[in-house]
Amino acid sequence: MPEKHLFEYAVIRVVPRVEREEFINVGVILYCAKQSFLQTTIFINESKLLAFASDIEIEFVKANLNAIVNICEGGDHAGPIGKLDNASRFRWLTATRSTVVQASKVHPGFCKDANETLQKLTEQLVL
């Protein structure tokens, strides 16, 4: 029987008006140290987002979400944060912020396959 590994995840949200604390889930970040796994999935339902906040700048939101993807991938193209180890990048991405793109609190769990778990969480929490 495959071993289960501790993982942590956070939901990525778009918060058009931070002062109202209303948001739409647009992705999930998942980190599993034992599997050397740090990835994110992003799905933007533009019509839903525009119905929720008609004045939101979709391209600005996409650029911020793309930065999250790049930081998860790591490397020079992700700037100074992209050079950190997986755990540090995950902590940086999930730090509390008061911006249009935010991460939820971090939640733990156990999984056999981090990629499969990421896909399931995305289906349950975003799609």
N, C-alpha and C. Protein backbone atom coordinates (compact mmCIF):
# COMPACT_ATOMS: atom_id res chain seq x y z
N MET A 1 0.85 -1.19 0.00
CA MET A 1 0.00 0.00 0.00
C MET A 1 0.89 1.25 0.00
N PRO A 2 0.66 2.18 -0.94
CA PRO A 2 1.50 3.38 -1.02
C PRO A 2 1.39 4.22 0.25
N GLU A 3 2.50 4.83 0.58
CA GLU A 3 2.57 5.68 1.76
C GLU A 3 1.85 7.01 1.50
N LYS A 4 1.17 7.50 2.52
CA LYS A 4 0.54 8.82 2.42
C LYS A 4 1.50 9.88 2.94
N HIS A 5 1.49 11.02 2.28
CA HIS A 5 2.40 12.12 2.61
C HIS A 5 1.60 13.35 3.02
N LEU A 6 2.15 14.07 3.98
CA LEU A 6 1.56 15.33 4.41
C LEU A 6 1.66 16.34 3.28
N PHE A 7 0.56 17.05 3.03
CA PHE A 7 0.58 18.15 2.07
C PHE A 7 -0.12 19.35 2.69
N GLU A 8 0.13 20.50 2.10
CA GLU A 8 -0.55 21.73 2.51
C GLU A 8 -1.06 22.40 1.25
N TYR A 9 -2.20 23.06 1.38
CA TYR A 9 -2.73 23.77 0.22
C TYR A 9 -3.43 25.05 0.66
N ALA A 10 -3.58 25.95 -0.29
CA ALA A 10 -4.34 27.17 -0.09
C ALA A 10 -5.12 27.44 -1.37
N VAL A 11 -6.26 28.06 -1.23
CA VAL A 11 -7.10 28.44 -2.37
C VAL A 11 -6.70 29.85 -2.80
N ILE A 12 -6.51 30.04 -4.09
CA ILE A 12 -6.22 31.36 -4.63
C ILE A 12 -7.54 32.03 -4.95
N ARG A 13 -7.66 33.27 -4.50
CA ARG A 13 -8.93 33.99 -4.70
C ARG A 13 -8.68 35.36 -5.32
N VAL A 14 -9.70 35.80 -6.03
CA VAL A 14 -9.72 37.18 -6.51
C VAL A 14 -10.69 37.94 -5.62
N VAL A 15 -10.19 39.02 -5.04
CA VAL A 15 -10.97 39.85 -4.11
C VAL A 15 -11.05 41.25 -4.73
N PRO A 16 -12.07 41.50 -5.56
CA PRO A 16 -12.12 42.76 -6.30
C PRO A 16 -12.13 44.01 -5.40
N ARG A 17 -12.86 43.94 -4.31
CA ARG A 17 -12.93 45.06 -3.37
C ARG A 17 -12.54 44.53 -1.99
N VAL A 18 -11.30 44.72 -1.66
CA VAL A 18 -10.75 44.14 -0.44
C VAL A 18 -11.57 44.52 0.78
N GLU A 19 -12.06 45.73 0.82
CA GLU A 19 -12.83 46.20 1.98
C GLU A 19 -14.16 45.44 2.16
N ARG A 20 -14.67 44.82 1.11
CA ARG A 20 -15.93 44.06 1.21
C ARG A 20 -15.70 42.60 1.58
N GLU A 21 -14.46 42.13 1.42
CA GLU A 21 -14.09 40.75 1.75
C GLU A 21 -14.88 39.70 0.99
N GLU A 22 -15.34 40.02 -0.21
CA GLU A 22 -16.02 39.07 -1.08
C GLU A 22 -15.00 38.58 -2.11
N PHE A 23 -15.10 37.31 -2.46
CA PHE A 23 -14.09 36.77 -3.37
C PHE A 23 -14.65 35.65 -4.23
N ILE A 24 -13.88 35.34 -5.29
CA ILE A 24 -14.15 34.21 -6.17
C ILE A 24 -12.89 33.35 -6.20
N ASN A 25 -13.06 32.06 -5.99
CA ASN A 25 -11.93 31.13 -6.04
C ASN A 25 -11.50 30.93 -7.49
N VAL A 26 -10.19 31.05 -7.72
CA VAL A 26 -9.66 30.91 -9.09
C VAL A 26 -8.52 29.90 -9.20
N GLY A 27 -8.10 29.31 -8.09
CA GLY A 27 -7.01 28.36 -8.18
C GLY A 27 -6.68 27.72 -6.85
N VAL A 28 -5.73 26.81 -6.89
CA VAL A 28 -5.25 26.11 -5.70
C VAL A 28 -3.74 25.99 -5.81
N ILE A 29 -3.03 26.21 -4.69
CA ILE A 29 -1.59 25.98 -4.59
C ILE A 29 -1.42 24.79 -3.66
N LEU A 30 -0.62 23.81 -4.06
CA LEU A 30 -0.40 22.64 -3.22
C LEU A 30 1.10 22.39 -3.08
N TYR A 31 1.51 22.13 -1.83
CA TYR A 31 2.91 21.85 -1.50
C TYR A 31 2.99 20.54 -0.73
N CYS A 32 3.87 19.64 -1.19
CA CYS A 32 4.12 18.38 -0.51
C CYS A 32 5.64 18.19 -0.46
N ALA A 33 6.22 18.33 0.72
CA ALA A 33 7.67 18.26 0.87
C ALA A 33 8.22 16.90 0.46
N LYS A 34 7.59 15.82 0.91
CA LYS A 34 8.09 14.46 0.63
C LYS A 34 8.14 14.15 -0.86
N GLN A 35 7.25 14.76 -1.62
CA GLN A 35 7.21 14.51 -3.07
C GLN A 35 7.89 15.64 -3.86
N SER A 36 8.55 16.57 -3.14
CA SER A 36 9.19 17.73 -3.79
C SER A 36 8.23 18.39 -4.78
N PHE A 37 7.02 18.64 -4.30
CA PHE A 37 5.94 19.10 -5.17
C PHE A 37 5.47 20.49 -4.74
N LEU A 38 5.47 21.41 -5.66
CA LEU A 38 4.87 22.73 -5.47
C LEU A 38 4.29 23.14 -6.81
N GLN A 39 2.97 23.11 -6.90
CA GLN A 39 2.31 23.49 -8.14
C GLN A 39 1.01 24.21 -7.83
N THR A 40 0.52 24.87 -8.84
CA THR A 40 -0.76 25.55 -8.75
C THR A 40 -1.59 25.26 -9.98
N THR A 41 -2.89 25.30 -9.81
CA THR A 41 -3.81 25.28 -10.95
C THR A 41 -4.58 26.58 -10.91
N ILE A 42 -4.84 27.12 -12.07
CA ILE A 42 -5.57 28.39 -12.18
C ILE A 42 -6.70 28.21 -13.18
N PHE A 43 -7.88 28.69 -12.81
CA PHE A 43 -9.00 28.71 -13.75
C PHE A 43 -9.78 30.00 -13.49
N ILE A 44 -9.84 30.86 -14.51
CA ILE A 44 -10.58 32.12 -14.39
C ILE A 44 -11.83 32.02 -15.23
N ASN A 45 -12.98 32.12 -14.57
CA ASN A 45 -14.25 32.21 -15.26
C ASN A 45 -14.50 33.71 -15.45
N GLU A 46 -14.08 34.22 -16.61
CA GLU A 46 -14.13 35.67 -16.84
C GLU A 46 -15.53 36.24 -16.75
N SER A 47 -16.52 35.55 -17.29
CA SER A 47 -17.88 36.08 -17.24
C SER A 47 -18.38 36.16 -15.79
N LYS A 48 -18.07 35.17 -14.99
CA LYS A 48 -18.45 35.19 -13.58
C LYS A 48 -17.74 36.32 -12.84
N LEU A 49 -16.45 36.49 -13.12
CA LEU A 49 -15.68 37.54 -12.47
C LEU A 49 -16.20 38.92 -12.86
N LEU A 50 -16.50 39.11 -14.14
CA LEU A 50 -17.03 40.41 -14.60
C LEU A 50 -18.44 40.67 -14.06
N ALA A 51 -19.24 39.63 -13.89
CA ALA A 51 -20.57 39.81 -13.29
C ALA A 51 -20.43 40.19 -11.82
N PHE A 52 -19.42 39.68 -11.18
CA PHE A 52 -19.15 39.94 -9.76
C PHE A 52 -18.57 41.34 -9.56
N ALA A 53 -17.72 41.76 -10.49
CA ALA A 53 -17.05 43.06 -10.39
C ALA A 53 -16.81 43.58 -11.81
N SER A 54 -17.76 44.30 -12.34
CA SER A 54 -17.72 44.73 -13.74
C SER A 54 -16.54 45.64 -14.08
N ASP A 55 -15.96 46.29 -13.09
CA ASP A 55 -14.86 47.21 -13.36
C ASP A 55 -13.47 46.61 -13.12
N ILE A 56 -13.41 45.31 -12.88
CA ILE A 56 -12.12 44.67 -12.61
C ILE A 56 -11.28 44.60 -13.87
N GLU A 57 -9.98 44.78 -13.72
CA GLU A 57 -9.05 44.71 -14.85
C GLU A 57 -8.57 43.26 -14.99
N ILE A 58 -9.21 42.53 -15.90
CA ILE A 58 -8.92 41.11 -16.09
C ILE A 58 -7.44 40.87 -16.41
N GLU A 59 -6.85 41.69 -17.23
CA GLU A 59 -5.44 41.49 -17.60
C GLU A 59 -4.52 41.67 -16.40
N PHE A 60 -4.85 42.58 -15.51
CA PHE A 60 -4.08 42.76 -14.27
C PHE A 60 -4.17 41.51 -13.41
N VAL A 61 -5.38 40.97 -13.28
CA VAL A 61 -5.58 39.75 -12.50
C VAL A 61 -4.80 38.58 -13.13
N LYS A 62 -4.88 38.44 -14.44
CA LYS A 62 -4.16 37.37 -15.13
C LYS A 62 -2.64 37.49 -14.91
N ALA A 63 -2.12 38.71 -14.96
CA ALA A 63 -0.69 38.91 -14.75
C ALA A 63 -0.28 38.48 -13.34
N ASN A 64 -1.09 38.80 -12.35
CA ASN A 64 -0.80 38.40 -10.98
C ASN A 64 -0.88 36.89 -10.81
N LEU A 65 -1.87 36.27 -11.43
CA LEU A 65 -2.00 34.82 -11.34
C LEU A 65 -0.85 34.12 -12.08
N ASN A 66 -0.42 34.69 -13.19
CA ASN A 66 0.72 34.14 -13.91
C ASN A 66 1.99 34.21 -13.06
N ALA A 67 2.13 35.26 -12.27
CA ALA A 67 3.28 35.38 -11.37
C ALA A 67 3.28 34.24 -10.35
N ILE A 68 2.10 33.87 -9.86
CA ILE A 68 2.00 32.75 -8.92
C ILE A 68 2.47 31.46 -9.59
N VAL A 69 2.03 31.23 -10.81
CA VAL A 69 2.45 30.04 -11.56
C VAL A 69 3.98 30.03 -11.71
N ASN A 70 4.55 31.16 -12.10
CA ASN A 70 6.00 31.25 -12.29
C ASN A 70 6.76 31.00 -11.00
N ILE A 71 6.28 31.55 -9.90
CA ILE A 71 6.95 31.34 -8.61
C ILE A 71 6.87 29.88 -8.19
N CYS A 72 5.73 29.24 -8.42
CA CYS A 72 5.63 27.81 -8.12
C CYS A 72 6.65 27.00 -8.91
N GLU A 73 6.82 27.35 -10.18
CA GLU A 73 7.79 26.64 -11.04
C GLU A 73 9.22 26.90 -10.58
N GLY A 74 9.46 28.08 -10.03
CA GLY A 74 10.80 28.44 -9.56
C GLY A 74 11.73 28.78 -10.70
N GLY A 75 12.94 29.18 -10.37
CA GLY A 75 13.94 29.50 -11.38
C GLY A 75 14.13 30.99 -11.56
N ASP A 76 15.09 31.33 -12.41
CA ASP A 76 15.46 32.74 -12.62
C ASP A 76 14.31 33.57 -13.18
N HIS A 77 13.45 32.97 -14.02
CA HIS A 77 12.36 33.72 -14.64
C HIS A 77 11.31 34.17 -13.61
N ALA A 78 11.39 33.63 -12.39
CA ALA A 78 10.42 33.97 -11.34
C ALA A 78 10.97 35.01 -10.36
N GLY A 79 12.08 35.64 -10.70
CA GLY A 79 12.64 36.68 -9.85
C GLY A 79 13.30 36.11 -8.60
N PRO A 80 13.60 36.96 -7.63
CA PRO A 80 14.32 36.51 -6.44
C PRO A 80 13.57 35.46 -5.63
N ILE A 81 12.25 35.53 -5.59
CA ILE A 81 11.45 34.55 -4.84
C ILE A 81 11.55 33.19 -5.52
N GLY A 82 11.64 33.16 -6.82
CA GLY A 82 11.74 31.92 -7.57
C GLY A 82 13.01 31.14 -7.30
N LYS A 83 14.00 31.78 -6.70
CA LYS A 83 15.26 31.11 -6.38
C LYS A 83 15.23 30.41 -5.03
N LEU A 84 14.18 30.65 -4.25
CA LEU A 84 14.06 30.02 -2.93
C LEU A 84 13.65 28.56 -3.08
N ASP A 85 13.77 27.80 -2.00
CA ASP A 85 13.32 26.40 -2.02
C ASP A 85 11.79 26.34 -2.03
N ASN A 86 11.24 25.14 -2.30
CA ASN A 86 9.79 24.98 -2.42
C ASN A 86 9.04 25.46 -1.18
N ALA A 87 9.50 25.09 0.00
CA ALA A 87 8.81 25.48 1.23
C ALA A 87 8.77 26.99 1.38
N SER A 88 9.87 27.66 1.12
CA SER A 88 9.91 29.12 1.24
C SER A 88 9.02 29.79 0.21
N ARG A 89 9.01 29.27 -1.02
CA ARG A 89 8.13 29.85 -2.05
C ARG A 89 6.67 29.66 -1.66
N PHE A 90 6.32 28.48 -1.15
CA PHE A 90 4.93 28.24 -0.73
C PHE A 90 4.54 29.20 0.38
N ARG A 91 5.41 29.37 1.39
CA ARG A 91 5.11 30.29 2.50
C ARG A 91 4.96 31.72 2.00
N TRP A 92 5.80 32.12 1.04
CA TRP A 92 5.71 33.47 0.51
C TRP A 92 4.39 33.66 -0.25
N LEU A 93 4.03 32.69 -1.06
CA LEU A 93 2.80 32.78 -1.84
C LEU A 93 1.55 32.79 -0.97
N THR A 94 1.59 32.12 0.16
CA THR A 94 0.40 32.00 1.00
C THR A 94 0.39 32.99 2.18
N ALA A 95 1.36 33.89 2.22
CA ALA A 95 1.37 34.91 3.27
C ALA A 95 0.13 35.79 3.14
N THR A 96 -0.37 36.25 4.28
CA THR A 96 -1.55 37.11 4.29
C THR A 96 -1.27 38.41 3.56
N ARG A 97 -2.20 38.78 2.67
CA ARG A 97 -2.08 40.02 1.90
C ARG A 97 -3.43 40.72 1.84
N SER A 98 -3.38 42.00 1.61
CA SER A 98 -4.59 42.78 1.41
C SER A 98 -4.55 43.32 -0.02
N THR A 99 -4.66 42.39 -0.97
CA THR A 99 -4.58 42.74 -2.39
C THR A 99 -5.72 42.08 -3.15
N VAL A 100 -5.81 42.35 -4.44
CA VAL A 100 -6.87 41.79 -5.26
C VAL A 100 -6.72 40.28 -5.42
N VAL A 101 -5.48 39.78 -5.50
CA VAL A 101 -5.24 38.34 -5.57
C VAL A 101 -4.65 37.91 -4.23
N GLN A 102 -5.35 36.96 -3.57
CA GLN A 102 -4.95 36.51 -2.23
C GLN A 102 -5.00 34.99 -2.16
N ALA A 103 -4.38 34.46 -1.11
CA ALA A 103 -4.47 33.03 -0.81
C ALA A 103 -5.27 32.87 0.48
N SER A 104 -6.01 31.78 0.56
CA SER A 104 -6.75 31.48 1.78
C SER A 104 -5.76 31.07 2.88
N LYS A 105 -6.27 30.76 4.03
CA LYS A 105 -5.44 30.16 5.06
C LYS A 105 -4.95 28.81 4.51
N VAL A 106 -3.83 28.34 5.04
CA VAL A 106 -3.26 27.07 4.61
C VAL A 106 -3.96 25.93 5.34
N HIS A 107 -4.28 24.89 4.58
CA HIS A 107 -4.95 23.70 5.12
C HIS A 107 -4.07 22.48 4.88
N PRO A 108 -3.98 21.55 5.86
CA PRO A 108 -3.17 20.34 5.69
C PRO A 108 -4.01 19.13 5.28
N GLY A 109 -3.34 18.10 4.85
CA GLY A 109 -4.00 16.83 4.52
C GLY A 109 -2.94 15.79 4.24
N PHE A 110 -3.37 14.59 3.88
CA PHE A 110 -2.48 13.50 3.51
C PHE A 110 -2.86 13.01 2.12
N CYS A 111 -1.86 12.69 1.32
CA CYS A 111 -2.13 12.21 -0.04
C CYS A 111 -1.11 11.16 -0.45
N LYS A 112 -1.48 10.38 -1.44
CA LYS A 112 -0.55 9.44 -2.06
C LYS A 112 0.12 10.09 -3.26
N ASP A 113 -0.65 10.86 -4.01
CA ASP A 113 -0.16 11.50 -5.24
C ASP A 113 -0.55 12.98 -5.18
N ALA A 114 0.43 13.85 -5.03
CA ALA A 114 0.17 15.28 -4.87
C ALA A 114 -0.51 15.88 -6.10
N ASN A 115 -0.10 15.48 -7.29
CA ASN A 115 -0.71 16.02 -8.50
C ASN A 115 -2.19 15.65 -8.59
N GLU A 116 -2.50 14.41 -8.29
CA GLU A 116 -3.90 13.96 -8.30
C GLU A 116 -4.72 14.71 -7.25
N THR A 117 -4.14 14.94 -6.10
CA THR A 117 -4.83 15.68 -5.03
C THR A 117 -5.07 17.12 -5.46
N LEU A 118 -4.09 17.73 -6.12
CA LEU A 118 -4.26 19.09 -6.61
C LEU A 118 -5.43 19.17 -7.58
N GLN A 119 -5.53 18.22 -8.49
CA GLN A 119 -6.62 18.22 -9.46
C GLN A 119 -7.98 18.06 -8.75
N LYS A 120 -8.05 17.15 -7.76
CA LYS A 120 -9.31 16.96 -7.02
C LYS A 120 -9.71 18.22 -6.27
N LEU A 121 -8.75 18.87 -5.61
CA LEU A 121 -9.06 20.10 -4.88
C LEU A 121 -9.54 21.20 -5.83
N THR A 122 -8.93 21.26 -6.99
CA THR A 122 -9.34 22.27 -7.98
C THR A 122 -10.78 22.03 -8.41
N GLU A 123 -11.12 20.77 -8.69
CA GLU A 123 -12.49 20.44 -9.07
C GLU A 123 -13.48 20.79 -7.96
N GLN A 124 -13.13 20.50 -6.72
CA GLN A 124 -14.03 20.74 -5.59
C GLN A 124 -14.17 22.21 -5.21
N LEU A 125 -13.08 22.96 -5.32
CA LEU A 125 -13.06 24.32 -4.76
C LEU A 125 -13.09 25.45 -5.78
N VAL A 126 -12.79 25.13 -7.03
CA VAL A 126 -12.68 26.20 -8.03
C VAL A 126 -13.66 26.02 -9.19
N LEU A 127 -13.72 24.85 -9.78
CA LEU A 127 -14.52 24.65 -10.99
C LEU A 127 -16.01 24.55 -10.68
